[in-house]
Structure formats: C-alpha cells, structure tokens
Protein backbone atom coordinates (compact mmCIF):
# COMPACT_ATOMS: atom_id res chain seq x y z
CA UNK A 1 178.97 269.76 -53.72
CA UNK A 2 177.79 266.96 -56.02
CA UNK A 3 180.66 264.73 -54.95
CA UNK A 4 179.91 265.42 -51.27
CA UNK A 5 176.25 264.53 -51.69
CA UNK A 6 177.24 261.37 -53.54
CA UNK A 7 179.55 260.39 -50.68
CA UNK A 8 176.81 260.90 -48.13
CA UNK A 9 174.28 259.05 -50.28
CA UNK A 10 176.57 256.04 -50.56
CA UNK A 11 177.33 256.17 -46.84
CA UNK A 12 173.65 256.26 -45.87
CA UNK A 13 172.93 253.38 -48.26
CA UNK A 14 175.72 251.37 -46.64
CA UNK A 15 174.30 252.14 -43.20
CA UNK A 16 170.83 251.00 -44.28
CA UNK A 17 172.27 247.77 -45.70
CA UNK A 18 174.22 247.03 -42.52
CA UNK A 19 171.13 247.79 -40.36
CA UNK A 20 169.13 245.34 -42.47
CA UNK A 21 171.73 242.66 -41.80
CA UNK A 22 171.61 243.35 -38.07
CA UNK A 23 167.81 243.17 -38.01
CA UNK A 24 167.67 239.93 -39.99
CA UNK A 25 170.20 238.32 -37.67
CA UNK A 26 168.06 239.26 -34.67
CA UNK A 27 164.96 237.71 -36.20
CA UNK A 28 166.13 234.30 -34.94
CA UNK A 29 166.61 233.03 -31.34
CA UNK A 30 170.27 232.25 -32.02
CA UNK A 31 173.00 233.14 -29.47
CA UNK A 32 175.33 233.87 -32.40
CA UNK A 33 173.30 237.01 -33.14
CA UNK A 34 175.25 238.79 -30.40
CA UNK A 35 178.29 238.74 -32.67
CA UNK A 36 176.36 240.60 -35.37
CA UNK A 37 176.26 243.72 -33.16
CA UNK A 38 179.81 244.31 -34.37
CA UNK A 39 178.27 245.49 -37.67
CA UNK A 40 177.55 248.78 -35.90
CA UNK A 41 181.32 249.35 -35.84
CA UNK A 42 181.73 249.97 -39.60
CA UNK A 43 178.69 252.26 -39.46
CA UNK A 44 180.38 254.36 -36.77
CA UNK A 45 183.76 254.32 -38.54
CA UNK A 46 182.20 255.41 -41.83
CA UNK A 47 180.22 258.16 -40.14
CA UNK A 48 183.23 259.47 -38.24
CA UNK A 49 185.33 259.50 -41.42
CA UNK A 50 182.73 261.65 -43.21
CA UNK A 51 181.40 263.86 -40.42
CA UNK A 52 183.85 263.64 -37.51
CA UNK A 53 181.02 262.59 -35.22
CA UNK A 54 179.64 259.23 -34.02
CA UNK A 55 176.06 260.25 -33.21
CA UNK A 56 173.81 263.25 -32.79
CA UNK A 57 172.55 263.80 -29.27
CA UNK A 58 168.87 263.78 -28.29
CA UNK A 59 167.02 263.70 -24.95
CA UNK A 60 166.67 259.92 -25.44
CA UNK A 61 170.36 259.14 -25.14
CA UNK A 62 170.76 258.89 -21.38
CA UNK A 63 167.61 256.83 -20.96
CA UNK A 64 168.50 254.43 -23.78
CA UNK A 65 171.98 254.01 -22.35
CA UNK A 66 170.45 253.32 -18.92
CA UNK A 67 168.21 250.68 -20.54
CA UNK A 68 171.21 248.99 -22.10
CA UNK A 69 173.14 249.00 -18.82
CA UNK A 70 170.11 247.58 -16.98
CA UNK A 71 169.90 244.75 -19.50
CA UNK A 72 173.59 243.91 -19.09
CA UNK A 73 173.34 243.90 -15.29
CA UNK A 74 170.13 241.87 -15.43
CA UNK A 75 171.79 239.10 -17.40
CA UNK A 76 174.04 238.50 -14.37
CA UNK A 77 171.83 239.39 -11.39
CA UNK A 78 168.30 238.18 -12.25
CA UNK A 79 167.03 234.91 -10.72
CA UNK A 80 166.79 233.31 -14.17
CA UNK A 81 168.73 234.06 -17.34
CA UNK A 82 169.42 232.62 -20.77
CA UNK A 83 172.81 234.30 -20.89
CA UNK A 84 174.33 237.52 -22.08
CA UNK A 85 173.15 237.03 -25.66
CA UNK A 86 169.60 238.16 -24.76
CA UNK A 87 171.03 241.68 -24.40
CA UNK A 88 171.67 241.77 -28.14
CA UNK A 89 168.12 242.81 -29.11
CA UNK A 90 168.36 245.70 -26.66
CA UNK A 91 171.69 246.72 -28.21
CA UNK A 92 170.14 246.40 -31.66
CA UNK A 93 167.28 248.73 -30.66
CA UNK A 94 169.49 251.42 -29.14
CA UNK A 95 171.81 251.24 -32.15
CA UNK A 96 168.89 251.60 -34.58
CA UNK A 97 167.72 254.78 -32.83
CA UNK A 98 171.20 256.32 -32.88
CA UNK A 99 171.86 255.44 -36.52
CA UNK A 100 168.45 256.38 -37.97
CA UNK A 101 168.22 259.48 -35.79
CA UNK A 102 171.36 260.90 -37.40
CA UNK A 103 169.66 260.70 -40.79
CA UNK A 104 167.82 263.88 -39.82
CA UNK A 105 171.02 265.90 -40.26
CA UNK A 106 171.87 267.43 -43.65
CA UNK A 107 172.09 265.98 -46.20
CA UNK A 108 168.90 264.41 -44.89
CA UNK A 109 167.93 260.79 -45.45
CA UNK A 110 164.67 260.65 -43.49
CA UNK A 111 162.63 261.06 -46.68
CA UNK A 112 164.24 257.93 -48.08
CA UNK A 113 163.41 256.23 -44.80
CA UNK A 114 159.70 257.02 -45.29
CA UNK A 115 159.70 255.46 -48.77
CA UNK A 116 161.30 252.32 -47.38
CA UNK A 117 158.92 252.32 -44.40
CA UNK A 118 155.84 252.50 -46.64
CA UNK A 119 157.17 249.76 -48.92
CA UNK A 120 157.88 247.63 -45.86
CA UNK A 121 154.31 248.26 -44.68
CA UNK A 122 152.93 246.88 -47.94
CA UNK A 123 155.16 243.81 -47.58
CA UNK A 124 154.03 243.13 -43.99
CA UNK A 125 150.38 243.64 -44.94
CA UNK A 126 150.62 241.10 -47.75
CA UNK A 127 152.55 238.66 -45.55
CA UNK A 128 149.91 238.99 -42.84
CA UNK A 129 147.05 238.34 -45.26
CA UNK A 130 148.49 235.02 -46.42
CA UNK A 131 150.44 233.72 -43.41
CA UNK A 132 148.47 234.81 -40.32
CA UNK A 133 147.22 232.00 -38.09
CA UNK A 134 143.59 233.14 -38.22
CA UNK A 135 141.26 232.27 -35.37
CA UNK A 136 137.46 232.43 -35.30
CA UNK A 137 137.22 235.81 -33.58
CA UNK A 138 134.52 237.06 -35.93
CA UNK A 139 132.43 234.47 -37.68
CA UNK A 140 131.16 237.15 -40.09
CA UNK A 141 134.61 237.33 -41.71
CA UNK A 142 135.00 233.60 -42.25
CA UNK A 143 133.81 233.62 -45.92
CA UNK A 144 136.61 236.08 -46.74
CA UNK A 145 139.19 234.08 -44.79
CA UNK A 146 138.20 230.94 -46.68
CA UNK A 147 139.16 232.61 -49.96
CA UNK A 148 142.72 233.39 -48.85
CA UNK A 149 145.47 230.88 -49.67
CA UNK A 150 147.61 229.74 -46.74
CA UNK A 151 151.35 230.26 -47.26
CA UNK A 152 153.12 228.91 -44.19
CA UNK A 153 156.45 227.78 -45.67
CA UNK A 154 157.87 231.09 -46.89
CA UNK A 155 161.44 232.01 -45.90
CA UNK A 156 161.64 233.77 -42.50
CA UNK A 157 157.95 233.08 -41.75
CA UNK A 158 157.90 229.33 -41.28
CA UNK A 159 154.57 228.32 -39.74
CA UNK A 160 153.04 231.76 -40.16
CA UNK A 161 152.36 234.43 -37.54
CA UNK A 162 150.13 234.66 -34.53
CA UNK A 163 147.48 237.24 -35.49
CA UNK A 164 148.09 239.33 -32.38
CA UNK A 165 151.85 239.38 -32.86
CA UNK A 166 151.78 240.62 -36.44
CA UNK A 167 148.91 243.02 -35.69
CA UNK A 168 151.07 244.67 -33.04
CA UNK A 169 153.74 245.28 -35.67
CA UNK A 170 151.16 246.61 -38.13
CA UNK A 171 149.99 249.29 -35.68
CA UNK A 172 153.39 250.92 -36.12
CA UNK A 173 153.08 250.85 -39.91
CA UNK A 174 149.47 251.60 -40.78
CA UNK A 175 149.09 254.86 -38.84
CA UNK A 176 152.16 256.62 -40.33
CA UNK A 177 150.93 255.40 -43.74
CA UNK A 178 147.60 257.13 -43.01
CA UNK A 179 149.41 260.35 -42.13
CA UNK A 180 151.31 260.47 -45.43
CA UNK A 181 148.29 259.33 -47.46
CA UNK A 182 146.00 262.04 -46.05
CA UNK A 183 148.33 264.95 -45.33
CA UNK A 184 147.56 268.46 -46.52
CA UNK A 185 150.61 269.83 -44.70
CA UNK A 186 152.85 269.14 -47.71
CA UNK A 187 152.43 268.62 -51.43
CA UNK A 188 153.69 265.06 -51.79
CA UNK A 189 154.68 263.69 -55.20
CA UNK A 190 151.98 261.50 -56.70
CA UNK A 191 154.07 258.33 -56.45
CA UNK A 192 154.59 258.92 -52.72
CA UNK A 193 150.91 259.41 -52.12
CA UNK A 194 150.05 256.24 -54.08
CA UNK A 195 152.63 254.28 -52.08
CA UNK A 196 151.15 255.57 -48.82
CA UNK A 197 147.61 254.68 -49.90
CA UNK A 198 148.71 251.19 -50.98
CA UNK A 199 150.30 250.63 -47.55
CA UNK A 200 147.24 252.03 -45.75
CA UNK A 201 144.73 249.86 -47.63
CA UNK A 202 146.80 246.66 -47.45
CA UNK A 203 147.57 247.00 -43.74
CA UNK A 204 143.99 248.02 -42.86
CA UNK A 205 142.56 244.95 -44.60
CA UNK A 206 145.10 242.70 -42.88
CA UNK A 207 144.23 244.22 -39.48
CA UNK A 208 140.50 243.84 -40.10
CA UNK A 209 140.84 240.13 -40.91
CA UNK A 210 143.25 239.45 -38.03
CA UNK A 211 140.77 240.98 -35.54
CA UNK A 212 143.30 241.78 -32.83
CA UNK A 213 140.92 243.99 -30.86
CA UNK A 214 143.49 246.01 -28.91
CA UNK A 215 145.41 246.72 -32.14
CA UNK A 216 142.34 247.73 -34.14
CA UNK A 217 140.82 250.06 -31.57
CA UNK A 218 144.25 251.57 -30.95
CA UNK A 219 144.65 252.25 -34.68
CA UNK A 220 141.15 253.73 -34.96
CA UNK A 221 141.82 256.14 -32.09
CA UNK A 222 145.23 257.05 -33.50
CA UNK A 223 143.74 257.71 -36.93
CA UNK A 224 141.49 260.32 -35.32
CA UNK A 225 144.66 262.04 -34.12
CA UNK A 226 146.08 261.82 -37.66
CA UNK A 227 142.97 263.36 -39.21
CA UNK A 228 143.10 266.39 -36.92
CA UNK A 229 146.89 266.64 -37.24
CA UNK A 230 147.42 266.52 -41.01
CA UNK A 231 144.09 267.59 -42.56
CA UNK A 232 143.03 271.22 -42.61
CA UNK A 233 139.53 272.13 -41.35
CA UNK A 234 137.03 271.64 -44.13
CA UNK A 235 135.29 269.09 -46.31
CA UNK A 236 138.14 266.56 -46.45
CA UNK A 237 138.51 266.45 -42.70
CA UNK A 238 134.77 265.98 -42.20
CA UNK A 239 134.69 263.22 -44.83
CA UNK A 240 137.67 261.44 -43.23
CA UNK A 241 136.04 261.64 -39.79
CA UNK A 242 132.80 260.20 -41.19
CA UNK A 243 134.68 257.26 -42.71
CA UNK A 244 136.51 256.72 -39.41
CA UNK A 245 133.22 256.68 -37.47
CA UNK A 246 131.75 254.15 -39.91
CA UNK A 247 134.81 251.89 -39.58
CA UNK A 248 134.64 252.18 -35.80
CA UNK A 249 130.96 251.20 -35.81
CA UNK A 250 131.72 248.21 -38.05
CA UNK A 251 134.47 247.04 -35.70
CA UNK A 252 132.20 247.45 -32.65
CA UNK A 253 129.64 245.22 -34.37
CA UNK A 254 132.29 242.64 -35.29
CA UNK A 255 133.90 242.67 -31.85
CA UNK A 256 130.53 242.40 -30.15
CA UNK A 257 129.41 239.51 -32.39
CA UNK A 258 126.11 241.30 -32.84
CA UNK A 259 125.08 239.77 -36.15
CA UNK A 260 126.26 236.18 -35.88
CA UNK A 261 123.79 233.29 -35.83
CA UNK A 262 122.08 232.73 -32.48
CA UNK A 263 123.50 229.22 -32.11
CA UNK A 264 127.05 230.66 -32.31
CA UNK A 265 126.58 233.71 -30.09
CA UNK A 266 126.87 231.82 -26.81
CA UNK A 267 130.23 230.27 -27.71
CA UNK A 268 131.53 233.65 -28.93
CA UNK A 269 130.54 235.35 -25.69
CA UNK A 270 132.12 232.54 -23.66
CA UNK A 271 135.35 232.88 -25.64
CA UNK A 272 135.52 236.63 -25.00
CA UNK A 273 134.75 236.16 -21.31
CA UNK A 274 137.48 233.53 -20.96
CA UNK A 275 139.91 235.87 -22.71
CA UNK A 276 139.17 238.66 -20.24
CA UNK A 277 139.50 236.38 -17.22
CA UNK A 278 142.72 234.94 -18.61
CA UNK A 279 144.25 238.41 -18.98
CA UNK A 280 143.42 239.28 -15.39
CA UNK A 281 145.12 236.08 -14.23
CA UNK A 282 148.18 236.80 -16.40
CA UNK A 283 148.46 240.34 -15.03
CA UNK A 284 148.17 238.92 -11.52
CA UNK A 285 151.08 236.60 -12.24
CA UNK A 286 153.21 239.53 -13.47
CA UNK A 287 152.33 241.60 -10.39
CA UNK A 288 153.34 238.70 -8.16
CA UNK A 289 156.72 238.61 -9.92
CA UNK A 290 157.17 242.34 -9.32
CA UNK A 291 156.27 241.94 -5.67
CA UNK A 292 158.85 239.18 -5.17
CA UNK A 293 161.59 240.62 -7.42
CA UNK A 294 161.12 244.42 -7.55
CA UNK A 295 164.71 245.28 -8.50
CA UNK A 296 165.43 242.73 -11.21
CA UNK A 297 162.22 240.98 -12.22
CA UNK A 298 162.74 237.30 -13.00
CA UNK A 299 165.03 238.04 -15.96
CA UNK A 300 164.88 239.03 -19.60
CA UNK A 301 162.32 236.95 -21.50
CA UNK A 302 161.92 234.63 -18.51
CA UNK A 303 158.17 235.20 -18.05
CA UNK A 304 157.65 232.29 -20.47
CA UNK A 305 160.24 230.01 -18.86
CA UNK A 306 158.86 226.81 -17.30
CA UNK A 307 160.38 227.41 -13.81
CA UNK A 308 158.72 230.85 -13.72
CA UNK A 309 155.41 229.47 -14.98
CA UNK A 310 155.50 226.80 -12.28
CA UNK A 311 156.27 229.36 -9.58
CA UNK A 312 153.69 231.91 -10.80
CA UNK A 313 151.02 229.75 -12.44
CA UNK A 314 148.17 231.00 -14.62
CA UNK A 315 145.11 228.74 -14.95
CA UNK A 316 144.93 227.23 -18.41
CA UNK A 317 148.65 227.63 -19.07
CA UNK A 318 149.96 224.71 -17.05
CA UNK A 319 151.37 223.14 -20.23
CA UNK A 320 150.70 225.78 -22.87
CA UNK A 321 153.39 228.39 -23.59
CA UNK A 322 152.62 231.85 -22.16
CA UNK A 323 155.01 234.14 -24.06
CA UNK A 324 154.47 237.43 -22.21
CA UNK A 325 152.43 239.34 -19.63
CA UNK A 326 149.98 240.86 -22.17
CA UNK A 327 150.87 244.35 -20.98
CA UNK A 328 154.13 246.09 -21.91
CA UNK A 329 154.66 247.78 -18.53
CA UNK A 330 154.08 244.57 -16.58
CA UNK A 331 156.21 242.64 -19.05
CA UNK A 332 159.04 245.17 -18.72
CA UNK A 333 158.74 244.88 -14.94
CA UNK A 334 158.87 241.11 -15.20
CA UNK A 335 161.98 241.38 -17.38
CA UNK A 336 163.85 244.18 -15.61
CA UNK A 337 162.00 245.06 -12.40
CA UNK A 338 160.81 248.51 -11.36
CA UNK A 339 163.98 250.23 -12.66
CA UNK A 340 163.21 248.90 -16.13
CA UNK A 341 159.63 250.14 -15.93
CA UNK A 342 160.80 253.63 -14.90
CA UNK A 343 163.34 253.81 -17.73
CA UNK A 344 160.74 252.65 -20.25
CA UNK A 345 158.23 255.28 -19.09
CA UNK A 346 161.00 257.89 -19.07
CA UNK A 347 162.13 257.44 -22.66
CA UNK A 348 158.56 257.35 -23.94
CA UNK A 349 157.83 260.58 -22.09
CA UNK A 350 160.95 262.15 -23.61
CA UNK A 351 159.89 260.84 -27.02
CA UNK A 352 156.44 262.38 -26.66
CA UNK A 353 158.01 265.75 -25.76
CA UNK A 354 160.37 265.56 -28.75
CA UNK A 355 157.50 264.83 -31.15
CA UNK A 356 155.41 267.64 -29.70
CA UNK A 357 158.23 270.14 -30.15
CA UNK A 358 158.90 268.84 -33.67
CA UNK A 359 155.24 269.39 -34.59
CA UNK A 360 155.16 272.86 -33.03
CA UNK A 361 158.39 274.15 -34.60
CA UNK A 362 158.73 272.16 -37.81
CA UNK A 363 157.51 272.72 -41.34
CA UNK A 364 155.01 270.61 -43.26
CA UNK A 365 157.30 267.58 -43.65
CA UNK A 366 158.24 267.51 -39.97
CA UNK A 367 154.65 268.07 -38.84
CA UNK A 368 153.30 265.23 -40.99
CA UNK A 369 156.07 262.88 -39.86
CA UNK A 370 155.66 263.84 -36.21
CA UNK A 371 151.90 263.23 -36.30
CA UNK A 372 152.39 259.89 -38.05
CA UNK A 373 155.10 258.75 -35.65
CA UNK A 374 153.30 259.95 -32.51
CA UNK A 375 149.97 258.43 -33.55
CA UNK A 376 151.66 255.17 -34.60
CA UNK A 377 153.40 254.88 -31.24
CA UNK A 378 150.11 255.70 -29.49
CA UNK A 379 148.31 252.94 -31.41
CA UNK A 380 151.08 250.53 -30.52
CA UNK A 381 150.88 251.49 -26.85
CA UNK A 382 147.12 250.83 -26.94
CA UNK A 383 147.88 247.38 -28.35
CA UNK A 384 150.58 246.87 -25.71
CA UNK A 385 148.14 247.64 -22.91
CA UNK A 386 146.32 244.34 -23.45
CA UNK A 387 148.82 242.38 -25.51
CA UNK A 388 152.50 242.99 -26.20
CA UNK A 389 155.42 242.96 -28.54
CA UNK A 390 158.02 242.82 -25.79
CA UNK A 391 161.27 244.77 -25.85
CA UNK A 392 163.05 241.51 -26.71
CA UNK A 393 160.60 240.16 -29.29
CA UNK A 394 161.58 239.48 -32.91
CA UNK A 395 159.22 242.22 -34.21
CA UNK A 396 160.54 244.88 -31.81
CA UNK A 397 162.81 246.27 -34.52
CA UNK A 398 159.74 247.96 -36.06
CA UNK A 399 159.22 249.93 -32.84
CA UNK A 400 162.86 251.00 -32.71
CA UNK A 401 162.82 252.09 -36.36
CA UNK A 402 159.85 254.38 -35.71
CA UNK A 403 161.56 255.80 -32.61
CA UNK A 404 164.64 256.42 -34.75
CA UNK A 405 162.51 258.22 -37.34
CA UNK A 406 161.02 260.40 -34.59
CA UNK A 407 164.56 261.24 -33.44
CA UNK A 408 165.55 262.09 -37.03
CA UNK A 409 162.64 264.52 -37.37
CA UNK A 410 163.54 266.15 -34.06
CA UNK A 411 167.20 266.50 -35.04
CA UNK A 412 166.25 267.88 -38.46
CA UNK A 413 164.08 270.61 -36.98
CA UNK A 414 166.74 271.44 -34.40
CA UNK A 415 169.45 271.70 -37.06
CA UNK A 416 167.25 273.96 -39.21
CA UNK A 417 166.68 276.15 -36.17
CA UNK A 418 170.40 276.37 -35.45
CA UNK A 419 171.09 277.44 -39.04
CA UNK A 420 168.26 280.01 -39.03
CA UNK A 421 169.23 281.44 -35.64
CA UNK A 422 172.99 281.04 -35.43
CA UNK A 423 173.12 283.66 -32.71
CA UNK A 424 171.43 281.20 -30.32
CA UNK A 425 173.98 279.09 -28.49
CA UNK A 426 173.44 275.34 -29.15
CA UNK A 427 172.95 274.50 -25.49
CA UNK A 428 170.28 277.21 -25.13
CA UNK A 429 168.31 276.28 -28.23
CA UNK A 430 164.57 275.93 -27.39
CA UNK A 431 164.50 272.37 -28.72
CA UNK A 432 167.28 271.16 -26.45
C-alpha cells in the first residue's frame, strides 16, 4: 500500500511538473508552443501504465472536444487566421481539465492542488501590486500607489500588466481563497487557513488598487455566495456579511468618485462616460462581425487584427490596439461564430450543474471546494461581461485550472458514491 501511494504521488508530481512546462510555453506568442502539446503524451502514458485509463469521464468531455474541433476547423475556414498554432492554447486548456480532473480519483491529489493554487494566488497578488500599469481610476488611492515600487523588468512580466488583464485572473484566485479562509464546513489545518488568508488579503489589496470595476464588483457579489455557502448561520456569518457590505460601500464611493476634489470630478466623470460609450461601440463592432460571419467569426484572436479593425472600426481605436470585444460571449462569437458561443455556454452550463451536484452530495471538503470554484467562476464571468480574458489569452490557463479543479471535485464525489453504493450501476449513478 505504501509503495502504491508513493508511485501515485510521484506520478502526480510528474504530471504537475509537465503541466507547468506546458503553461509556461503558452505564456508567449510563439508558434513553437504548438510542439509543447506533445508533453501531454508522457502524462497519458504514465497514467495508463499505473491505472490502465487515460482520463476519467465527465459531462464536460463532449463539449470540450467540440470546442477543440471547432478551433481546428476555424484555423482553416475563417476569413482571417494566424495559422494552426493558435489552436494550441485551446488544446492546452482541454488537456488541463482532463489531467487535473483525474486528480479527484483515489489516491486524491486535489488537496495538493488547493495548496498550490493558494500559493499561486499569493504570487499573483504580489506581482500585481508591483508590476500593474496603474491608471488614475480613483484619485483617492494615488497616495498609496505612489508608495509602491515599480518592477517592470522581472522575468515573464516584462513591461508589467494591464490592470484589467491581471484583475481578471485574480477573480479566479481570490474567491476560492475566501472560501478556504472562511469555511466552517471542514476543520482545516492551521497552516492551510493561514495560507488561504494570506492569499485573500494579498489579492484583495491588489484588486482594490487596480480598480478594475467589473472584476471588483464581481468578486464582491461572489463573496456573498461564499459567505452563505461555507459559513454556518450565526455570529461569524453576520460579521462577514457586515464586512462585505462595508467593502461594497467603499468601492461604490471609489467608483463613483464621490470624495475627490471638485476640480477633478469633471474629468473623472468624463473618463467614465467615455469608457461606457467606448464599450458600446466595441460591442457594436463584435455584433457586426457576428452578423457578417455567423458560422466562423473572423477567426481566432483576429478581433485585434488590423484588417478586421479597418473593416469594423471603433472610434478612438483607429491606430490603438483593441485586443478583444470586452465581453466573453461576443469575443467567442468573433473568434468562432455562433457555434463557438453555443459550445461555450454549453460547457459552462454543464460545469454549473456539476458543481451544484458536488455541493449537494459531497462532504465538507467537496462543499467548500465547490462553493469556492463556483463563486470564483461567477466572479470571473462578471468580469468577462464588460472586459475579457479571452479563451486564447495568456492568462486563460488560470480559468482552465479552476475548471479542472471543479471536475476533480465532481469525480471525487462520484467515486465515493460508487464505493458507498456499489449496487448502483455506474451508468445509473445519480451524479452521471
């Protein structure tokens, strides 16, 4: 038994190391990254040698496979394309879900995933604090921003990050951290709870200073879901809700520029108004693309391409780069047409159902994880409604990792149910 557990531990560590290599390779816009997909092959070979299986099935499989096929077809049929290599980030994402999802089977590795996820959250929070390209969204915060050193020449983060881009990634990290920091569903070891609180505080501060409004309000709403999902009725829940209401009020004041000097209020209001008008124009451009190319869109990541910008112009972006449609559904339609939008909605609906069933049928660990994952994905969707980390963006790996964790929780609960009720045929199990 000890030797078997050691084998599985080493195998899961090797899988995590290979996944890290795949993710790092896809951080860069390099066509050679397509070749790195081959690193999934040793993962599959190792898994088959130990377990005689390649993956564990979930309701996501057909939809993710359809997404991958759509991407491959799109690279040949769309009006514009940068070549087959753009499919590699889609392949990376589907592979991440299949690999991490299997970690929910015994001997389970999803607890190790949470430790790594929280540590990664602390890292991203610190990186955001010192490398974000801060803008004057809230003059009240400028004295704090002036105290922060600017580190723009670190490896992998040359030039720093757009505040909205890194805030979108942090929505996926901060809400699960809140779930594990606050949970009363399980008795977490002290070191775990401290790690979760460190991630929660670091990421929350980074989000506050970045002032990506869609990200912050999405996180605040999702944290309400976390409070009701992981805290039992009583004093702690009431205290947590009071803190959340105070933070929401503070953000409303900051977003509304209610306490800035009078001579700066007019420019702040004009900036916000221009931002709203600009988004409407960008969404109009994406809708025009869907109208003209309903089956294919204009091609993966082509919304930003100069020929597309010239054909579907947005005032103010005649020369400036416009990276995406500022809405994930419209961006997916621009990339892959209506079929891509339907597949995207389909797998997120399946994911929501999986998380709901995990929460209903799982124990304390599964319930806490399901609430954290569901609320994190909800916060990210709120961000994606007015901004976007596209399905082919460099930060999209964080989304796929959380989807993989959700799949692992679902598989873990299903496997426990199969063991507890062996008389139930696998294809009739209530979670299938």
